[in-house]
Amino acid sequence: MHAQIITYKLNGISNAEYAARMVEPDAPILAEVAGLHSKVWLANPETNTFGGFYLWHSRADMEAFMASELVATVVSRPFLSDIEVQDFEVPEAPSRITRGLAAD
């Protein structure tokens, strides 16, 4: 497993517009991305910070996603700024103990 956090700021659109123009149309598309175990959407309107926590089956799956046309389209949206990406190895044994991953 591999984890990724992507954050960004909204630029010139309301939270409702963001939901209508990005969250609602993109969620079903992301649900079909190969290798994506899950995505948790993140929102902190007080700091204008939004994004997602992604859990990937492998680092290779994450890298394929990051090189995809889907990501290129998303990052080119003019209402997003200050995009930051971090990725992490997931130590599976302790993550299963703390219910971060389902037991086998």
N, C-alpha and C. Protein backbone atom coordinates (compact mmCIF):
# COMPACT_ATOMS: atom_id res chain seq x y z
N MET A 1 0.84 -1.18 0.00
CA MET A 1 0.00 0.00 0.00
C MET A 1 0.89 1.25 0.00
N HIS A 2 0.32 2.31 -0.55
CA HIS A 2 1.00 3.59 -0.62
C HIS A 2 -0.04 4.68 -0.39
N ALA A 3 0.30 5.71 0.36
CA ALA A 3 -0.62 6.80 0.66
C ALA A 3 -0.15 8.09 0.01
N GLN A 4 -1.11 8.96 -0.24
CA GLN A 4 -0.81 10.23 -0.88
C GLN A 4 -1.78 11.28 -0.35
N ILE A 5 -1.25 12.46 -0.09
CA ILE A 5 -2.09 13.60 0.29
C ILE A 5 -1.86 14.68 -0.75
N ILE A 6 -2.95 15.14 -1.35
CA ILE A 6 -2.90 16.24 -2.31
C ILE A 6 -3.76 17.36 -1.75
N THR A 7 -3.19 18.56 -1.63
CA THR A 7 -3.95 19.71 -1.16
C THR A 7 -3.81 20.86 -2.14
N TYR A 8 -4.79 21.76 -2.09
CA TYR A 8 -4.81 22.93 -2.96
C TYR A 8 -5.72 23.98 -2.35
N LYS A 9 -5.60 25.19 -2.88
CA LYS A 9 -6.45 26.31 -2.50
C LYS A 9 -7.44 26.56 -3.63
N LEU A 10 -8.59 27.10 -3.27
CA LEU A 10 -9.56 27.52 -4.28
C LEU A 10 -9.29 28.97 -4.64
N ASN A 11 -9.41 29.29 -5.91
CA ASN A 11 -9.09 30.61 -6.41
C ASN A 11 -10.27 31.16 -7.20
N GLY A 12 -11.04 32.05 -6.59
CA GLY A 12 -12.10 32.74 -7.32
C GLY A 12 -13.41 31.98 -7.46
N ILE A 13 -13.61 30.90 -6.72
CA ILE A 13 -14.90 30.21 -6.74
C ILE A 13 -15.34 29.90 -5.31
N SER A 14 -16.62 29.78 -5.13
CA SER A 14 -17.18 29.46 -3.82
C SER A 14 -17.06 27.95 -3.55
N ASN A 15 -17.29 27.57 -2.32
CA ASN A 15 -17.29 26.15 -1.97
C ASN A 15 -18.38 25.41 -2.73
N ALA A 16 -19.54 26.03 -2.89
CA ALA A 16 -20.64 25.40 -3.62
C ALA A 16 -20.28 25.22 -5.09
N GLU A 17 -19.64 26.21 -5.68
CA GLU A 17 -19.20 26.09 -7.08
C GLU A 17 -18.15 24.99 -7.23
N TYR A 18 -17.23 24.92 -6.29
CA TYR A 18 -16.21 23.87 -6.28
C TYR A 18 -16.87 22.50 -6.24
N ALA A 19 -17.85 22.35 -5.37
CA ALA A 19 -18.55 21.07 -5.28
C ALA A 19 -19.22 20.72 -6.60
N ALA A 20 -19.86 21.68 -7.21
CA ALA A 20 -20.58 21.43 -8.46
C ALA A 20 -19.65 21.22 -9.65
N ARG A 21 -18.53 21.93 -9.69
CA ARG A 21 -17.65 21.89 -10.85
C ARG A 21 -16.54 20.84 -10.75
N MET A 22 -16.26 20.36 -9.52
CA MET A 22 -15.14 19.43 -9.40
C MET A 22 -15.51 18.19 -8.58
N VAL A 23 -15.97 18.39 -7.37
CA VAL A 23 -16.21 17.24 -6.48
C VAL A 23 -17.25 16.30 -7.06
N GLU A 24 -18.42 16.81 -7.37
CA GLU A 24 -19.50 15.95 -7.86
C GLU A 24 -19.17 15.25 -9.18
N PRO A 25 -18.63 15.96 -10.17
CA PRO A 25 -18.31 15.25 -11.42
C PRO A 25 -17.07 14.35 -11.33
N ASP A 26 -16.11 14.69 -10.49
CA ASP A 26 -14.87 13.92 -10.43
C ASP A 26 -14.97 12.67 -9.56
N ALA A 27 -15.82 12.68 -8.54
CA ALA A 27 -15.88 11.54 -7.62
C ALA A 27 -16.17 10.22 -8.35
N PRO A 28 -17.17 10.15 -9.24
CA PRO A 28 -17.41 8.87 -9.92
C PRO A 28 -16.26 8.45 -10.84
N ILE A 29 -15.57 9.42 -11.41
CA ILE A 29 -14.42 9.12 -12.28
C ILE A 29 -13.28 8.54 -11.44
N LEU A 30 -13.01 9.16 -10.30
CA LEU A 30 -11.94 8.67 -9.42
C LEU A 30 -12.25 7.28 -8.87
N ALA A 31 -13.53 7.00 -8.67
CA ALA A 31 -13.92 5.68 -8.15
C ALA A 31 -13.51 4.56 -9.10
N GLU A 32 -13.27 4.89 -10.36
CA GLU A 32 -12.91 3.89 -11.37
C GLU A 32 -11.42 3.83 -11.67
N VAL A 33 -10.61 4.65 -11.00
CA VAL A 33 -9.17 4.69 -11.28
C VAL A 33 -8.51 3.38 -10.83
N ALA A 34 -7.79 2.77 -11.74
CA ALA A 34 -7.09 1.51 -11.45
C ALA A 34 -6.09 1.70 -10.33
N GLY A 35 -6.09 0.78 -9.37
CA GLY A 35 -5.11 0.81 -8.30
C GLY A 35 -5.47 1.68 -7.12
N LEU A 36 -6.56 2.45 -7.22
CA LEU A 36 -6.97 3.32 -6.11
C LEU A 36 -7.82 2.51 -5.14
N HIS A 37 -7.33 2.36 -3.94
CA HIS A 37 -8.08 1.65 -2.91
C HIS A 37 -9.20 2.55 -2.37
N SER A 38 -8.86 3.82 -2.08
CA SER A 38 -9.86 4.77 -1.59
C SER A 38 -9.35 6.19 -1.70
N LYS A 39 -10.32 7.12 -1.72
CA LYS A 39 -10.00 8.54 -1.62
C LYS A 39 -10.93 9.14 -0.59
N VAL A 40 -10.35 9.88 0.34
CA VAL A 40 -11.12 10.65 1.31
C VAL A 40 -10.95 12.11 0.92
N TRP A 41 -12.07 12.78 0.65
CA TRP A 41 -12.02 14.20 0.29
C TRP A 41 -11.77 15.02 1.55
N LEU A 42 -10.94 16.06 1.43
CA LEU A 42 -10.59 16.92 2.55
C LEU A 42 -11.05 18.34 2.28
N ALA A 43 -11.53 19.02 3.33
CA ALA A 43 -11.97 20.41 3.18
C ALA A 43 -11.79 21.16 4.49
N ASN A 44 -11.12 22.29 4.40
CA ASN A 44 -11.01 23.22 5.53
C ASN A 44 -11.30 24.60 4.98
N PRO A 45 -12.59 24.98 4.92
CA PRO A 45 -12.94 26.29 4.36
C PRO A 45 -12.30 27.45 5.11
N GLU A 46 -12.02 27.29 6.40
CA GLU A 46 -11.42 28.39 7.18
C GLU A 46 -10.04 28.76 6.67
N THR A 47 -9.28 27.78 6.18
CA THR A 47 -7.94 28.06 5.65
C THR A 47 -7.91 27.99 4.13
N ASN A 48 -9.09 27.77 3.53
CA ASN A 48 -9.19 27.62 2.07
C ASN A 48 -8.28 26.51 1.57
N THR A 49 -8.26 25.41 2.31
CA THR A 49 -7.44 24.25 1.94
C THR A 49 -8.36 23.06 1.68
N PHE A 50 -8.19 22.46 0.51
CA PHE A 50 -9.02 21.35 0.08
C PHE A 50 -8.11 20.29 -0.51
N GLY A 51 -8.65 19.11 -0.75
CA GLY A 51 -7.83 18.08 -1.38
C GLY A 51 -8.33 16.70 -1.06
N GLY A 52 -7.38 15.75 -0.99
CA GLY A 52 -7.77 14.38 -0.74
C GLY A 52 -6.64 13.56 -0.15
N PHE A 53 -7.06 12.52 0.56
CA PHE A 53 -6.16 11.50 1.06
C PHE A 53 -6.43 10.25 0.24
N TYR A 54 -5.42 9.79 -0.48
CA TYR A 54 -5.55 8.66 -1.39
C TYR A 54 -4.80 7.47 -0.81
N LEU A 55 -5.40 6.30 -0.89
CA LEU A 55 -4.73 5.07 -0.51
C LEU A 55 -4.65 4.20 -1.76
N TRP A 56 -3.42 3.90 -2.16
CA TRP A 56 -3.14 3.16 -3.39
C TRP A 56 -2.71 1.74 -3.07
N HIS A 57 -2.97 0.83 -3.98
CA HIS A 57 -2.51 -0.55 -3.82
C HIS A 57 -0.99 -0.62 -3.92
N SER A 58 -0.39 0.30 -4.70
CA SER A 58 1.07 0.31 -4.83
C SER A 58 1.55 1.70 -5.23
N ARG A 59 2.84 1.93 -5.05
CA ARG A 59 3.45 3.18 -5.49
C ARG A 59 3.33 3.31 -7.02
N ALA A 60 3.47 2.19 -7.73
CA ALA A 60 3.35 2.22 -9.20
C ALA A 60 1.96 2.68 -9.63
N ASP A 61 0.91 2.26 -8.91
CA ASP A 61 -0.45 2.73 -9.22
C ASP A 61 -0.55 4.23 -9.04
N MET A 62 0.02 4.75 -7.94
CA MET A 62 0.00 6.19 -7.70
C MET A 62 0.76 6.93 -8.80
N GLU A 63 1.91 6.42 -9.18
CA GLU A 63 2.71 7.08 -10.21
C GLU A 63 1.99 7.09 -11.55
N ALA A 64 1.30 6.01 -11.88
CA ALA A 64 0.53 5.96 -13.13
C ALA A 64 -0.59 7.00 -13.10
N PHE A 65 -1.24 7.13 -11.97
CA PHE A 65 -2.30 8.14 -11.81
C PHE A 65 -1.72 9.54 -11.99
N MET A 66 -0.61 9.82 -11.34
CA MET A 66 -0.01 11.16 -11.42
C MET A 66 0.43 11.51 -12.84
N ALA A 67 0.73 10.52 -13.66
CA ALA A 67 1.14 10.76 -15.05
C ALA A 67 -0.05 10.76 -16.00
N SER A 68 -1.25 10.60 -15.48
CA SER A 68 -2.44 10.45 -16.33
C SER A 68 -2.99 11.78 -16.85
N GLU A 69 -3.78 11.66 -17.89
CA GLU A 69 -4.48 12.82 -18.45
C GLU A 69 -5.46 13.40 -17.44
N LEU A 70 -6.05 12.55 -16.61
CA LEU A 70 -6.98 13.03 -15.58
C LEU A 70 -6.31 14.02 -14.65
N VAL A 71 -5.13 13.69 -14.16
CA VAL A 71 -4.41 14.61 -13.27
C VAL A 71 -4.00 15.87 -14.02
N ALA A 72 -3.56 15.73 -15.25
CA ALA A 72 -3.18 16.91 -16.04
C ALA A 72 -4.37 17.85 -16.19
N THR A 73 -5.54 17.30 -16.40
CA THR A 73 -6.75 18.12 -16.54
C THR A 73 -7.09 18.81 -15.22
N VAL A 74 -7.03 18.08 -14.13
CA VAL A 74 -7.37 18.65 -12.83
C VAL A 74 -6.42 19.79 -12.46
N VAL A 75 -5.12 19.58 -12.60
CA VAL A 75 -4.18 20.63 -12.17
C VAL A 75 -4.18 21.84 -13.09
N SER A 76 -4.78 21.72 -14.27
CA SER A 76 -4.86 22.87 -15.17
C SER A 76 -6.08 23.74 -14.91
N ARG A 77 -6.93 23.34 -13.99
CA ARG A 77 -8.14 24.12 -13.69
C ARG A 77 -7.73 25.46 -13.08
N PRO A 78 -8.23 26.56 -13.64
CA PRO A 78 -7.80 27.88 -13.17
C PRO A 78 -8.27 28.23 -11.76
N PHE A 79 -9.24 27.50 -11.24
CA PHE A 79 -9.72 27.81 -9.89
C PHE A 79 -8.98 27.06 -8.80
N LEU A 80 -7.89 26.34 -9.15
CA LEU A 80 -7.04 25.68 -8.17
C LEU A 80 -5.68 26.36 -8.14
N SER A 81 -5.13 26.53 -6.95
CA SER A 81 -3.78 27.08 -6.83
C SER A 81 -3.07 26.41 -5.66
N ASP A 82 -1.78 26.65 -5.56
CA ASP A 82 -0.96 26.14 -4.45
C ASP A 82 -1.12 24.63 -4.26
N ILE A 83 -1.05 23.90 -5.35
CA ILE A 83 -1.21 22.44 -5.30
C ILE A 83 0.04 21.83 -4.69
N GLU A 84 -0.16 20.99 -3.67
CA GLU A 84 0.94 20.29 -3.02
C GLU A 84 0.64 18.81 -2.98
N VAL A 85 1.67 18.01 -3.23
CA VAL A 85 1.52 16.55 -3.25
C VAL A 85 2.59 15.94 -2.34
N GLN A 86 2.14 15.06 -1.46
CA GLN A 86 3.06 14.30 -0.61
C GLN A 86 2.67 12.84 -0.74
N ASP A 87 3.67 11.95 -0.72
CA ASP A 87 3.34 10.53 -0.72
C ASP A 87 4.14 9.82 0.35
N PHE A 88 3.60 8.67 0.78
CA PHE A 88 4.13 7.96 1.93
C PHE A 88 4.03 6.46 1.73
N GLU A 89 5.01 5.73 2.20
CA GLU A 89 4.89 4.28 2.32
C GLU A 89 3.89 4.02 3.45
N VAL A 90 3.15 2.92 3.36
CA VAL A 90 2.21 2.55 4.41
C VAL A 90 2.72 1.28 5.09
N PRO A 91 3.17 1.38 6.33
CA PRO A 91 3.53 0.18 7.08
C PRO A 91 2.24 -0.60 7.39
N GLU A 92 2.08 -1.71 6.71
CA GLU A 92 0.79 -2.40 6.74
C GLU A 92 0.47 -3.06 8.08
N ALA A 93 1.43 -3.71 8.73
CA ALA A 93 1.13 -4.43 9.97
C ALA A 93 0.56 -3.50 11.04
N PRO A 94 1.23 -2.41 11.40
CA PRO A 94 0.64 -1.54 12.43
C PRO A 94 -0.63 -0.84 11.94
N SER A 95 -0.74 -0.59 10.64
CA SER A 95 -1.95 0.04 10.11
C SER A 95 -3.16 -0.86 10.25
N ARG A 96 -2.96 -2.17 10.13
CA ARG A 96 -4.06 -3.12 10.34
C ARG A 96 -4.48 -3.14 11.81
N ILE A 97 -3.51 -3.06 12.72
CA ILE A 97 -3.82 -3.06 14.15
C ILE A 97 -4.68 -1.84 14.51
N THR A 98 -4.38 -0.70 13.91
CA THR A 98 -5.12 0.54 14.24
C THR A 98 -6.30 0.79 13.30
N ARG A 99 -6.72 -0.23 12.56
CA ARG A 99 -7.87 -0.21 11.66
C ARG A 99 -7.70 0.76 10.49
N GLY A 100 -6.46 1.10 10.14
CA GLY A 100 -6.21 1.90 8.96
C GLY A 100 -6.34 1.10 7.68
N LEU A 101 -6.20 -0.22 7.81
CA LEU A 101 -6.39 -1.15 6.68
C LEU A 101 -7.23 -2.30 7.19
N ALA A 102 -8.05 -2.84 6.31
CA ALA A 102 -8.89 -3.98 6.69
C ALA A 102 -8.02 -5.20 6.94
N ALA A 103 -8.43 -5.99 7.89
CA ALA A 103 -7.73 -7.24 8.16
C ALA A 103 -7.91 -8.19 6.98
N ASP A 104 -6.92 -9.04 6.73
CA ASP A 104 -7.01 -10.00 5.62
C ASP A 104 -8.09 -11.01 5.85
